[in-house]
Amino acid sequence: MPFVNLFIAGGVVMVPLLGFSLLAVALILERVMFWVQVVRQQDPVVREALTLYKRSPRAAFLKLEQHTDLPIARIFLAALELEQATPEEFRLALESAAQAEIPLLRRFNTVFDTVISISPLLGLLGTVLGLIRSFAALKIGELGGGNTIGVSAGISEALISTAAGLVVAIVTLLFANSFRGLYRRQMALIQEYGGQLELLYRRHYEQRGVPYNAST
């Protein structure tokens, strides 16, 4: 059955389900492009920046400035831009910058959760409306062709709307869980690389003749 016929047969709930599906597809594409860029570019850039920092903090800073589209680069730059910061201040700057990046990394999660929750409910609503239509067309003692067509149309509406709601929710859930996994992985990498940068900064700080004191 063509999509247009399925859409019409699914009843009125197919309209919001179509809207939710289009919204989910658009946001999924945005997130896919975002994470592809982060995954491809992040590790080489950060590793090179850490290597450069051992020789020249300025060179590492310039390298990171070329990749401000990466969240971890913005986090490192926020700390490196501090002047004469103590290691404790440097660590706090890293943590604050990382917290500021969390909304971007978790972007659209609420929308995905909403689509996942509401789509099956819309499908269930379509089921109820379809059954109401079927019972309205069914009259005891009258099983003619016209009534049979009305009952079949109602059952078809119930099944199609239910299936559509589940499909939208399942597909969105698969991508949403993938994005959550990438987010958790990203936060772990931020902590790992941030710890490495903090250690390097502490060494440079001590080499300048100012010993590090954790209590300060």
N, C-alpha and C. Protein backbone atom coordinates (compact mmCIF):
# COMPACT_ATOMS: atom_id res chain seq x y z
N MET A 1 0.85 -1.20 0.00
CA MET A 1 0.00 0.00 0.00
C MET A 1 0.89 1.25 0.00
N PRO A 2 0.64 2.21 -0.91
CA PRO A 2 1.45 3.44 -0.96
C PRO A 2 1.38 4.19 0.36
N PHE A 3 2.43 5.00 0.60
CA PHE A 3 2.50 5.74 1.85
C PHE A 3 1.31 6.67 2.04
N VAL A 4 0.88 7.33 0.97
CA VAL A 4 -0.24 8.27 1.08
C VAL A 4 -1.50 7.54 1.52
N ASN A 5 -1.73 6.36 0.96
CA ASN A 5 -2.90 5.58 1.35
C ASN A 5 -2.80 5.13 2.81
N LEU A 6 -1.60 4.71 3.22
CA LEU A 6 -1.41 4.34 4.62
C LEU A 6 -1.65 5.52 5.55
N PHE A 7 -1.15 6.68 5.12
CA PHE A 7 -1.31 7.88 5.94
C PHE A 7 -2.79 8.21 6.12
N ILE A 8 -3.54 8.15 5.04
CA ILE A 8 -4.97 8.45 5.10
C ILE A 8 -5.71 7.40 5.92
N ALA A 9 -5.34 6.13 5.72
CA ALA A 9 -6.03 5.05 6.44
C ALA A 9 -5.74 5.08 7.93
N GLY A 10 -4.61 5.67 8.32
CA GLY A 10 -4.25 5.71 9.74
C GLY A 10 -5.06 6.67 10.56
N GLY A 11 -5.81 7.54 9.92
CA GLY A 11 -6.67 8.44 10.68
C GLY A 11 -6.00 9.74 11.08
N VAL A 12 -6.69 10.47 11.93
CA VAL A 12 -6.27 11.82 12.28
C VAL A 12 -4.96 11.85 13.06
N VAL A 13 -4.65 10.80 13.82
CA VAL A 13 -3.42 10.82 14.64
C VAL A 13 -2.17 10.73 13.77
N MET A 14 -2.33 10.38 12.51
CA MET A 14 -1.17 10.31 11.63
C MET A 14 -0.56 11.68 11.37
N VAL A 15 -1.37 12.74 11.52
CA VAL A 15 -0.86 14.09 11.29
C VAL A 15 0.19 14.46 12.35
N PRO A 16 -0.14 14.37 13.66
CA PRO A 16 0.91 14.67 14.65
C PRO A 16 2.06 13.67 14.61
N LEU A 17 1.78 12.41 14.28
CA LEU A 17 2.86 11.43 14.18
C LEU A 17 3.83 11.79 13.05
N LEU A 18 3.28 12.28 11.93
CA LEU A 18 4.14 12.74 10.84
C LEU A 18 4.98 13.92 11.28
N GLY A 19 4.36 14.84 12.02
CA GLY A 19 5.11 15.99 12.51
C GLY A 19 6.23 15.58 13.45
N PHE A 20 5.94 14.64 14.37
CA PHE A 20 6.97 14.15 15.28
C PHE A 20 8.09 13.43 14.53
N SER A 21 7.72 12.66 13.52
CA SER A 21 8.73 11.92 12.77
C SER A 21 9.64 12.87 12.01
N LEU A 22 9.09 13.90 11.39
CA LEU A 22 9.91 14.88 10.67
C LEU A 22 10.82 15.64 11.63
N LEU A 23 10.27 16.01 12.79
CA LEU A 23 11.09 16.68 13.80
C LEU A 23 12.23 15.79 14.26
N ALA A 24 11.91 14.53 14.54
CA ALA A 24 12.94 13.60 15.01
C ALA A 24 14.02 13.41 13.95
N VAL A 25 13.63 13.27 12.69
CA VAL A 25 14.62 13.07 11.62
C VAL A 25 15.54 14.28 11.51
N ALA A 26 14.97 15.48 11.56
CA ALA A 26 15.79 16.70 11.45
C ALA A 26 16.80 16.80 12.60
N LEU A 27 16.34 16.53 13.82
CA LEU A 27 17.24 16.62 14.98
C LEU A 27 18.27 15.50 14.97
N ILE A 28 17.87 14.32 14.52
CA ILE A 28 18.81 13.21 14.43
C ILE A 28 19.93 13.53 13.44
N LEU A 29 19.57 14.10 12.30
CA LEU A 29 20.59 14.47 11.30
C LEU A 29 21.56 15.50 11.87
N GLU A 30 21.03 16.47 12.62
CA GLU A 30 21.90 17.49 13.22
C GLU A 30 22.87 16.86 14.21
N ARG A 31 22.36 15.95 15.04
CA ARG A 31 23.20 15.29 16.03
C ARG A 31 24.22 14.36 15.38
N VAL A 32 23.82 13.67 14.33
CA VAL A 32 24.75 12.78 13.62
C VAL A 32 25.91 13.59 13.06
N MET A 33 25.63 14.71 12.40
CA MET A 33 26.70 15.54 11.85
C MET A 33 27.60 16.09 12.95
N PHE A 34 27.00 16.48 14.07
CA PHE A 34 27.77 16.99 15.20
C PHE A 34 28.73 15.93 15.74
N TRP A 35 28.20 14.73 16.00
CA TRP A 35 29.03 13.69 16.61
C TRP A 35 30.06 13.14 15.64
N VAL A 36 29.73 13.08 14.36
CA VAL A 36 30.71 12.63 13.37
C VAL A 36 31.91 13.57 13.36
N GLN A 37 31.64 14.86 13.40
CA GLN A 37 32.73 15.84 13.43
C GLN A 37 33.57 15.70 14.69
N VAL A 38 32.92 15.55 15.83
CA VAL A 38 33.65 15.43 17.09
C VAL A 38 34.49 14.17 17.12
N VAL A 39 33.91 13.04 16.74
CA VAL A 39 34.62 11.77 16.80
C VAL A 39 35.80 11.75 15.84
N ARG A 40 35.64 12.31 14.66
CA ARG A 40 36.71 12.28 13.66
C ARG A 40 37.87 13.21 14.01
N GLN A 41 37.57 14.38 14.52
CA GLN A 41 38.61 15.40 14.68
C GLN A 41 39.20 15.47 16.08
N GLN A 42 38.45 15.09 17.07
CA GLN A 42 38.85 15.39 18.44
C GLN A 42 40.17 14.74 18.86
N ASP A 43 40.27 13.43 18.74
CA ASP A 43 41.47 12.74 19.23
C ASP A 43 42.76 13.26 18.59
N PRO A 44 42.84 13.38 17.26
CA PRO A 44 44.09 13.90 16.68
C PRO A 44 44.43 15.31 17.15
N VAL A 45 43.42 16.17 17.25
CA VAL A 45 43.65 17.55 17.65
C VAL A 45 44.13 17.62 19.09
N VAL A 46 43.47 16.90 19.98
CA VAL A 46 43.83 16.98 21.40
C VAL A 46 45.20 16.35 21.65
N ARG A 47 45.47 15.22 21.03
CA ARG A 47 46.77 14.59 21.23
C ARG A 47 47.91 15.48 20.72
N GLU A 48 47.70 16.12 19.59
CA GLU A 48 48.72 17.03 19.07
C GLU A 48 48.90 18.23 19.98
N ALA A 49 47.77 18.74 20.50
CA ALA A 49 47.85 19.91 21.39
C ALA A 49 48.60 19.56 22.67
N LEU A 50 48.36 18.38 23.22
CA LEU A 50 49.06 17.98 24.44
C LEU A 50 50.55 17.79 24.17
N THR A 51 50.88 17.24 23.01
CA THR A 51 52.29 17.08 22.65
C THR A 51 52.96 18.44 22.48
N LEU A 52 52.27 19.36 21.82
CA LEU A 52 52.83 20.70 21.64
C LEU A 52 52.99 21.42 22.98
N TYR A 53 52.06 21.17 23.89
CA TYR A 53 52.11 21.87 25.18
C TYR A 53 53.38 21.52 25.96
N LYS A 54 53.87 20.32 25.79
CA LYS A 54 55.08 19.91 26.50
C LYS A 54 56.28 20.77 26.08
N ARG A 55 56.27 21.21 24.81
CA ARG A 55 57.37 22.03 24.30
C ARG A 55 57.05 23.52 24.38
N SER A 56 55.81 23.86 24.02
CA SER A 56 55.45 25.26 23.97
C SER A 56 53.95 25.43 24.22
N PRO A 57 53.56 25.91 25.41
CA PRO A 57 52.15 26.14 25.68
C PRO A 57 51.50 27.07 24.67
N ARG A 58 52.27 28.02 24.16
CA ARG A 58 51.73 28.95 23.18
C ARG A 58 51.35 28.23 21.89
N ALA A 59 52.19 27.29 21.46
CA ALA A 59 51.89 26.53 20.24
C ALA A 59 50.63 25.69 20.43
N ALA A 60 50.48 25.11 21.61
CA ALA A 60 49.28 24.32 21.89
C ALA A 60 48.04 25.21 21.87
N PHE A 61 48.18 26.41 22.42
CA PHE A 61 47.05 27.35 22.44
C PHE A 61 46.63 27.72 21.02
N LEU A 62 47.61 28.00 20.16
CA LEU A 62 47.31 28.35 18.77
C LEU A 62 46.66 27.18 18.03
N LYS A 63 47.12 25.99 18.33
CA LYS A 63 46.53 24.80 17.70
C LYS A 63 45.06 24.64 18.09
N LEU A 64 44.77 24.82 19.35
CA LEU A 64 43.39 24.69 19.82
C LEU A 64 42.50 25.80 19.27
N GLU A 65 43.07 26.98 19.08
CA GLU A 65 42.29 28.09 18.53
C GLU A 65 41.81 27.81 17.11
N GLN A 66 42.48 26.92 16.42
CA GLN A 66 42.09 26.56 15.06
C GLN A 66 40.91 25.58 15.03
N HIS A 67 40.54 25.08 16.21
CA HIS A 67 39.48 24.07 16.27
C HIS A 67 38.47 24.42 17.37
N THR A 68 38.04 25.66 17.37
CA THR A 68 37.07 26.09 18.39
C THR A 68 35.68 25.50 18.15
N ASP A 69 35.51 24.77 17.05
CA ASP A 69 34.23 24.10 16.83
C ASP A 69 34.13 22.81 17.63
N LEU A 70 35.24 22.38 18.25
CA LEU A 70 35.23 21.18 19.08
C LEU A 70 35.03 21.55 20.54
N PRO A 71 34.11 20.89 21.24
CA PRO A 71 33.86 21.23 22.64
C PRO A 71 35.09 21.15 23.53
N ILE A 72 35.90 20.10 23.36
CA ILE A 72 37.06 19.95 24.23
C ILE A 72 38.09 21.02 23.97
N ALA A 73 38.19 21.52 22.74
CA ALA A 73 39.12 22.61 22.44
C ALA A 73 38.67 23.88 23.16
N ARG A 74 37.38 24.14 23.17
CA ARG A 74 36.87 25.33 23.89
C ARG A 74 37.11 25.20 25.39
N ILE A 75 37.00 23.98 25.91
CA ILE A 75 37.24 23.76 27.34
C ILE A 75 38.70 24.05 27.68
N PHE A 76 39.61 23.53 26.88
CA PHE A 76 41.04 23.76 27.14
C PHE A 76 41.38 25.24 27.00
N LEU A 77 40.83 25.90 26.00
CA LEU A 77 41.13 27.31 25.78
C LEU A 77 40.65 28.16 26.95
N ALA A 78 39.50 27.81 27.52
CA ALA A 78 38.97 28.58 28.65
C ALA A 78 39.94 28.57 29.82
N ALA A 79 40.65 27.45 30.01
CA ALA A 79 41.62 27.37 31.10
C ALA A 79 42.95 28.00 30.71
N LEU A 80 43.38 27.78 29.49
CA LEU A 80 44.67 28.31 29.05
C LEU A 80 44.68 29.82 28.91
N GLU A 81 43.51 30.41 28.75
CA GLU A 81 43.43 31.86 28.62
C GLU A 81 43.65 32.58 29.95
N LEU A 82 43.58 31.86 31.06
CA LEU A 82 43.82 32.48 32.36
C LEU A 82 45.27 32.92 32.48
N GLU A 83 45.48 34.06 33.07
CA GLU A 83 46.83 34.58 33.25
C GLU A 83 47.33 34.29 34.66
N GLN A 84 48.49 33.65 34.72
CA GLN A 84 49.15 33.36 36.00
C GLN A 84 48.21 32.62 36.96
N ALA A 85 47.45 31.70 36.42
CA ALA A 85 46.53 30.94 37.27
C ALA A 85 47.27 29.87 38.05
N THR A 86 46.85 29.64 39.28
CA THR A 86 47.41 28.53 40.04
C THR A 86 46.83 27.22 39.49
N PRO A 87 47.46 26.09 39.78
CA PRO A 87 46.91 24.81 39.32
C PRO A 87 45.48 24.59 39.77
N GLU A 88 45.15 25.04 40.97
CA GLU A 88 43.78 24.89 41.46
C GLU A 88 42.81 25.73 40.62
N GLU A 89 43.21 26.96 40.32
CA GLU A 89 42.37 27.81 39.47
C GLU A 89 42.25 27.23 38.06
N PHE A 90 43.34 26.67 37.60
CA PHE A 90 43.33 26.04 36.27
C PHE A 90 42.35 24.87 36.24
N ARG A 91 42.36 24.05 37.27
CA ARG A 91 41.45 22.91 37.34
C ARG A 91 40.00 23.37 37.40
N LEU A 92 39.75 24.39 38.20
CA LEU A 92 38.39 24.91 38.31
C LEU A 92 37.90 25.48 36.98
N ALA A 93 38.81 26.11 36.25
CA ALA A 93 38.44 26.65 34.94
C ALA A 93 38.08 25.53 33.97
N LEU A 94 38.83 24.43 34.02
CA LEU A 94 38.52 23.27 33.18
C LEU A 94 37.15 22.70 33.53
N GLU A 95 36.90 22.56 34.82
CA GLU A 95 35.63 21.99 35.26
C GLU A 95 34.45 22.89 34.89
N SER A 96 34.62 24.19 35.07
CA SER A 96 33.54 25.13 34.75
C SER A 96 33.25 25.13 33.25
N ALA A 97 34.31 25.12 32.45
CA ALA A 97 34.13 25.11 30.99
C ALA A 97 33.46 23.81 30.54
N ALA A 98 33.83 22.70 31.19
CA ALA A 98 33.22 21.41 30.84
C ALA A 98 31.73 21.42 31.17
N GLN A 99 31.37 21.99 32.31
CA GLN A 99 29.96 22.09 32.67
C GLN A 99 29.19 22.95 31.67
N ALA A 100 29.84 23.99 31.17
CA ALA A 100 29.18 24.88 30.21
C ALA A 100 28.92 24.18 28.88
N GLU A 101 29.71 23.16 28.55
CA GLU A 101 29.55 22.44 27.29
C GLU A 101 28.50 21.34 27.37
N ILE A 102 28.09 20.97 28.57
CA ILE A 102 27.14 19.86 28.72
C ILE A 102 25.82 20.10 27.98
N PRO A 103 25.21 21.30 28.06
CA PRO A 103 23.96 21.50 27.30
C PRO A 103 24.11 21.25 25.80
N LEU A 104 25.26 21.60 25.23
CA LEU A 104 25.47 21.35 23.80
C LEU A 104 25.61 19.86 23.53
N LEU A 105 26.33 19.16 24.39
CA LEU A 105 26.54 17.73 24.19
C LEU A 105 25.24 16.94 24.37
N ARG A 106 24.36 17.44 25.22
CA ARG A 106 23.08 16.75 25.47
C ARG A 106 21.92 17.42 24.74
N ARG A 107 22.23 18.17 23.74
CA ARG A 107 21.23 18.94 23.03
C ARG A 107 20.14 18.03 22.44
N PHE A 108 18.90 18.48 22.56
CA PHE A 108 17.72 17.81 22.01
C PHE A 108 17.33 16.53 22.76
N ASN A 109 18.02 16.18 23.85
CA ASN A 109 17.64 14.97 24.59
C ASN A 109 16.21 15.03 25.09
N THR A 110 15.79 16.21 25.55
CA THR A 110 14.43 16.36 26.04
C THR A 110 13.42 16.18 24.92
N VAL A 111 13.75 16.71 23.74
CA VAL A 111 12.85 16.56 22.59
C VAL A 111 12.75 15.09 22.20
N PHE A 112 13.87 14.40 22.19
CA PHE A 112 13.85 12.97 21.86
C PHE A 112 13.00 12.20 22.86
N ASP A 113 13.16 12.50 24.14
CA ASP A 113 12.37 11.81 25.17
C ASP A 113 10.88 12.08 24.99
N THR A 114 10.56 13.31 24.60
CA THR A 114 9.15 13.65 24.37
C THR A 114 8.57 12.86 23.20
N VAL A 115 9.32 12.79 22.11
CA VAL A 115 8.86 12.04 20.94
C VAL A 115 8.69 10.56 21.29
N ILE A 116 9.67 10.01 22.03
CA ILE A 116 9.62 8.60 22.41
C ILE A 116 8.42 8.31 23.30
N SER A 117 8.08 9.23 24.16
CA SER A 117 6.97 9.02 25.09
C SER A 117 5.60 9.22 24.45
N ILE A 118 5.49 10.25 23.62
CA ILE A 118 4.18 10.62 23.09
C ILE A 118 3.78 9.79 21.87
N SER A 119 4.73 9.39 21.04
CA SER A 119 4.39 8.67 19.81
C SER A 119 3.59 7.39 20.07
N PRO A 120 4.00 6.52 21.01
CA PRO A 120 3.16 5.34 21.27
C PRO A 120 1.78 5.70 21.82
N LEU A 121 1.71 6.78 22.59
CA LEU A 121 0.41 7.21 23.11
C LEU A 121 -0.50 7.68 21.98
N LEU A 122 0.07 8.37 21.02
CA LEU A 122 -0.72 8.77 19.85
C LEU A 122 -1.18 7.54 19.07
N GLY A 123 -0.30 6.55 18.96
CA GLY A 123 -0.69 5.31 18.30
C GLY A 123 -1.82 4.63 19.04
N LEU A 124 -1.74 4.64 20.37
CA LEU A 124 -2.83 4.06 21.17
C LEU A 124 -4.12 4.83 20.99
N LEU A 125 -4.01 6.15 20.92
CA LEU A 125 -5.20 6.96 20.67
C LEU A 125 -5.81 6.61 19.32
N GLY A 126 -4.96 6.41 18.32
CA GLY A 126 -5.46 6.00 17.01
C GLY A 126 -6.16 4.65 17.07
N THR A 127 -5.62 3.75 17.92
CA THR A 127 -6.27 2.45 18.09
C THR A 127 -7.67 2.61 18.66
N VAL A 128 -7.79 3.43 19.68
CA VAL A 128 -9.10 3.65 20.30
C VAL A 128 -10.07 4.27 19.31
N LEU A 129 -9.60 5.28 18.58
CA LEU A 129 -10.49 5.93 17.60
C LEU A 129 -10.90 4.96 16.50
N GLY A 130 -9.96 4.10 16.08
CA GLY A 130 -10.29 3.12 15.06
C GLY A 130 -11.32 2.11 15.54
N LEU A 131 -11.18 1.68 16.80
CA LEU A 131 -12.16 0.73 17.35
C LEU A 131 -13.52 1.39 17.53
N ILE A 132 -13.52 2.64 17.93
CA ILE A 132 -14.79 3.36 18.03
C ILE A 132 -15.47 3.42 16.67
N ARG A 133 -14.67 3.69 15.67
CA ARG A 133 -15.23 3.74 14.31
C ARG A 133 -15.77 2.38 13.88
N SER A 134 -15.08 1.32 14.25
CA SER A 134 -15.52 -0.02 13.89
C SER A 134 -16.84 -0.36 14.56
N PHE A 135 -16.93 -0.09 15.85
CA PHE A 135 -18.17 -0.39 16.57
C PHE A 135 -19.32 0.49 16.11
N ALA A 136 -18.99 1.71 15.70
CA ALA A 136 -20.05 2.59 15.21
C ALA A 136 -20.61 2.07 13.88
N ALA A 137 -19.76 1.43 13.09
CA ALA A 137 -20.20 0.90 11.80
C ALA A 137 -20.89 -0.45 11.94
N LEU A 138 -20.65 -1.12 13.08
CA LEU A 138 -21.21 -2.44 13.27
C LEU A 138 -22.57 -2.35 13.95
N LYS A 139 -23.59 -2.94 13.31
CA LYS A 139 -24.93 -2.96 13.87
C LYS A 139 -25.39 -4.40 13.94
N ILE A 140 -25.87 -4.78 15.10
CA ILE A 140 -26.30 -6.16 15.30
C ILE A 140 -27.42 -6.49 14.33
N GLY A 141 -27.29 -7.62 13.66
CA GLY A 141 -28.31 -8.06 12.72
C GLY A 141 -28.13 -7.50 11.33
N GLU A 142 -27.14 -6.57 11.17
CA GLU A 142 -26.88 -6.00 9.85
C GLU A 142 -25.41 -6.23 9.51
N LEU A 143 -25.16 -7.23 8.74
CA LEU A 143 -23.78 -7.57 8.36
C LEU A 143 -23.58 -7.42 6.86
N GLY A 144 -24.23 -6.41 6.30
CA GLY A 144 -24.10 -6.17 4.86
C GLY A 144 -22.73 -5.68 4.49
N GLY A 145 -22.54 -5.52 3.19
CA GLY A 145 -21.24 -5.11 2.70
C GLY A 145 -20.81 -3.75 3.19
N GLY A 146 -21.76 -2.80 3.29
CA GLY A 146 -21.40 -1.46 3.74
C GLY A 146 -20.88 -1.46 5.15
N ASN A 147 -21.54 -2.20 6.03
CA ASN A 147 -21.09 -2.27 7.41
C ASN A 147 -19.73 -2.96 7.52
N THR A 148 -19.55 -4.00 6.71
CA THR A 148 -18.26 -4.70 6.73
C THR A 148 -17.12 -3.78 6.33
N ILE A 149 -17.36 -2.96 5.34
CA ILE A 149 -16.34 -1.99 4.91
C ILE A 149 -16.02 -1.02 6.03
N GLY A 150 -17.03 -0.53 6.75
CA GLY A 150 -16.80 0.41 7.85
C GLY A 150 -16.01 -0.22 8.97
N VAL A 151 -16.34 -1.47 9.30
CA VAL A 151 -15.60 -2.18 10.35
C VAL A 151 -14.15 -2.39 9.94
N SER A 152 -13.94 -2.80 8.71
CA SER A 152 -12.58 -3.03 8.22
C SER A 152 -11.76 -1.75 8.23
N ALA A 153 -12.39 -0.64 7.83
CA ALA A 153 -11.68 0.64 7.82
C ALA A 153 -11.28 1.05 9.23
N GLY A 154 -12.16 0.81 10.20
CA GLY A 154 -11.84 1.16 11.59
C GLY A 154 -10.71 0.33 12.13
N ILE A 155 -10.75 -0.98 11.86
CA ILE A 155 -9.67 -1.86 12.32
C ILE A 155 -8.35 -1.48 11.64
N SER A 156 -8.41 -1.17 10.36
CA SER A 156 -7.21 -0.75 9.63
C SER A 156 -6.63 0.51 10.24
N GLU A 157 -7.49 1.46 10.56
CA GLU A 157 -7.02 2.70 11.20
C GLU A 157 -6.34 2.40 12.52
N ALA A 158 -6.92 1.51 13.31
CA ALA A 158 -6.36 1.17 14.62
C ALA A 158 -4.98 0.55 14.48
N LEU A 159 -4.83 -0.39 13.56
CA LEU A 159 -3.55 -1.08 13.41
C LEU A 159 -2.48 -0.18 12.82
N ILE A 160 -2.84 0.60 11.81
CA ILE A 160 -1.84 1.46 11.16
C ILE A 160 -1.34 2.53 12.12
N SER A 161 -2.23 3.15 12.84
CA SER A 161 -1.81 4.21 13.77
C SER A 161 -0.93 3.65 14.89
N THR A 162 -1.28 2.47 15.38
CA THR A 162 -0.45 1.84 16.41
C THR A 162 0.94 1.53 15.89
N ALA A 163 1.00 0.95 14.70
CA ALA A 163 2.29 0.62 14.10
C ALA A 163 3.12 1.87 13.85
N ALA A 164 2.47 2.93 13.36
CA ALA A 164 3.20 4.17 13.07
C ALA A 164 3.77 4.77 14.35
N GLY A 165 2.98 4.79 15.41
CA GLY A 165 3.47 5.33 16.67
C GLY A 165 4.66 4.56 17.22
N LEU A 166 4.60 3.23 17.10
CA LEU A 166 5.71 2.40 17.59
C LEU A 166 6.96 2.59 16.74
N VAL A 167 6.79 2.69 15.43
CA VAL A 167 7.95 2.89 14.55
C VAL A 167 8.67 4.20 14.87
N VAL A 168 7.91 5.27 15.01
CA VAL A 168 8.50 6.58 15.32
C VAL A 168 9.24 6.52 16.65
N ALA A 169 8.60 5.91 17.66
CA ALA A 169 9.22 5.83 18.98
C ALA A 169 10.47 4.96 18.98
N ILE A 170 10.42 3.81 18.30
CA ILE A 170 11.55 2.88 18.30
C ILE A 170 12.76 3.48 17.59
N VAL A 171 12.53 4.05 16.42
CA VAL A 171 13.65 4.64 15.67
C VAL A 171 14.29 5.79 16.45
N THR A 172 13.45 6.64 17.02
CA THR A 172 13.97 7.76 17.82
C THR A 172 14.73 7.26 19.03
N LEU A 173 14.21 6.21 19.67
CA LEU A 173 14.88 5.65 20.86
C LEU A 173 16.25 5.10 20.51
N LEU A 174 16.38 4.42 19.39
CA LEU A 174 17.67 3.87 18.98
C LEU A 174 18.72 4.96 18.83
N PHE A 175 18.35 6.03 18.14
CA PHE A 175 19.31 7.12 17.94
C PHE A 175 19.57 7.88 19.25
N ALA A 176 18.52 8.09 20.04
CA ALA A 176 18.70 8.82 21.31
C ALA A 176 19.65 8.07 22.24
N ASN A 177 19.51 6.75 22.31
CA ASN A 177 20.42 5.97 23.15
C ASN A 177 21.85 6.00 22.61
N SER A 178 22.00 6.01 21.29
CA SER A 178 23.33 6.13 20.69
C SER A 178 23.97 7.46 21.06
N PHE A 179 23.19 8.53 21.01
CA PHE A 179 23.71 9.85 21.35
C PHE A 179 24.07 9.92 22.84
N ARG A 180 23.28 9.26 23.68
CA ARG A 180 23.61 9.24 25.11
C ARG A 180 24.92 8.49 25.35
N GLY A 181 25.12 7.42 24.61
CA GLY A 181 26.39 6.70 24.73
C GLY A 181 27.57 7.55 24.29
N LEU A 182 27.40 8.28 23.21
CA LEU A 182 28.46 9.18 22.75
C LEU A 182 28.72 10.29 23.76
N TYR A 183 27.67 10.78 24.40
CA TYR A 183 27.81 11.82 25.41
C TYR A 183 28.63 11.31 26.60
N ARG A 184 28.29 10.10 27.07
CA ARG A 184 29.04 9.54 28.20
C ARG A 184 30.50 9.32 27.84
N ARG A 185 30.73 8.84 26.62
CA ARG A 185 32.10 8.64 26.17
C ARG A 185 32.85 9.97 26.08
N GLN A 186 32.16 11.00 25.61
CA GLN A 186 32.78 12.31 25.49
C GLN A 186 33.15 12.88 26.85
N MET A 187 32.28 12.73 27.83
CA MET A 187 32.58 13.24 29.17
C MET A 187 33.77 12.49 29.77
N ALA A 188 33.86 11.19 29.50
CA ALA A 188 35.01 10.43 30.00
C ALA A 188 36.32 10.92 29.35
N LEU A 189 36.27 11.21 28.06
CA LEU A 189 37.46 11.71 27.37
C LEU A 189 37.83 13.10 27.86
N ILE A 190 36.83 13.93 28.12
CA ILE A 190 37.11 15.27 28.63
C ILE A 190 37.83 15.17 29.97
N GLN A 191 37.39 14.27 30.84
CA GLN A 191 38.06 14.10 32.12
C GLN A 191 39.47 13.55 31.95
N GLU A 192 39.62 12.60 31.02
CA GLU A 192 40.95 12.01 30.80
C GLU A 192 41.93 13.04 30.25
N TYR A 193 41.55 13.70 29.15
CA TYR A 193 42.44 14.67 28.54
C TYR A 193 42.61 15.90 29.42
N GLY A 194 41.55 16.28 30.11
CA GLY A 194 41.65 17.41 31.02
C GLY A 194 42.64 17.13 32.14
N GLY A 195 42.62 15.89 32.66
CA GLY A 195 43.59 15.52 33.69
C GLY A 195 45.01 15.58 33.18
N GLN A 196 45.23 15.15 31.93
CA GLN A 196 46.57 15.20 31.35
C GLN A 196 47.04 16.64 31.20
N LEU A 197 46.14 17.51 30.72
CA LEU A 197 46.52 18.92 30.57
C LEU A 197 46.79 19.56 31.92
N GLU A 198 46.03 19.20 32.93
CA GLU A 198 46.23 19.76 34.26
C GLU A 198 47.60 19.36 34.81
N LEU A 199 47.99 18.11 34.60
CA LEU A 199 49.31 17.67 35.06
C LEU A 199 50.44 18.42 34.35
N LEU A 200 50.26 18.61 33.04
CA LEU A 200 51.28 19.36 32.29
C LEU A 200 51.36 20.80 32.78
N TYR A 201 50.20 21.39 33.04
CA TYR A 201 50.19 22.77 33.52
C TYR A 201 50.86 22.85 34.88
N ARG A 202 50.60 21.89 35.74
CA ARG A 202 51.20 21.90 37.08
C ARG A 202 52.72 21.83 36.98
N ARG A 203 53.23 21.01 36.07
CA ARG A 203 54.68 20.91 35.89
C ARG A 203 55.27 22.23 35.42
N HIS A 204 54.63 22.86 34.45
CA HIS A 204 55.11 24.17 33.97
C HIS A 204 55.04 25.20 35.10
N TYR A 205 54.00 25.11 35.89
CA TYR A 205 53.82 26.06 37.00
C TYR A 205 54.94 25.91 38.02
N GLU A 206 55.29 24.66 38.32
CA GLU A 206 56.35 24.42 39.30
C GLU A 206 57.72 24.80 38.73
N GLN A 207 57.90 24.60 37.43
CA GLN A 207 59.18 24.95 36.81
C GLN A 207 59.42 26.45 36.81
N ARG A 208 58.35 27.22 36.91
CA ARG A 208 58.52 28.69 36.98
C ARG A 208 58.94 29.14 38.36
N GLY A 209 59.09 28.16 39.29
CA GLY A 209 59.59 28.51 40.61
C GLY A 209 58.51 28.76 41.63
N VAL A 210 57.27 28.42 41.30
CA VAL A 210 56.19 28.60 42.26
C VAL A 210 55.64 27.22 42.59
N PRO A 211 55.99 26.65 43.74
CA PRO A 211 55.56 25.30 44.07
C PRO A 211 54.04 25.23 44.20
N TYR A 212 53.50 24.09 43.81
CA TYR A 212 52.07 23.89 43.90
C TYR A 212 51.67 23.47 45.30
N ASN A 213 50.66 24.11 45.82
CA ASN A 213 50.16 23.79 47.15
C ASN A 213 48.67 23.53 47.04
N ALA A 214 48.24 22.32 47.32
CA ALA A 214 46.83 21.95 47.12
C ALA A 214 45.91 22.73 48.05
N SER A 215 46.46 23.28 49.11
CA SER A 215 45.60 24.01 50.04
C SER A 215 45.36 25.44 49.62
N THR A 216 46.06 25.92 48.60
CA THR A 216 45.90 27.31 48.17
C THR A 216 44.91 27.41 47.06
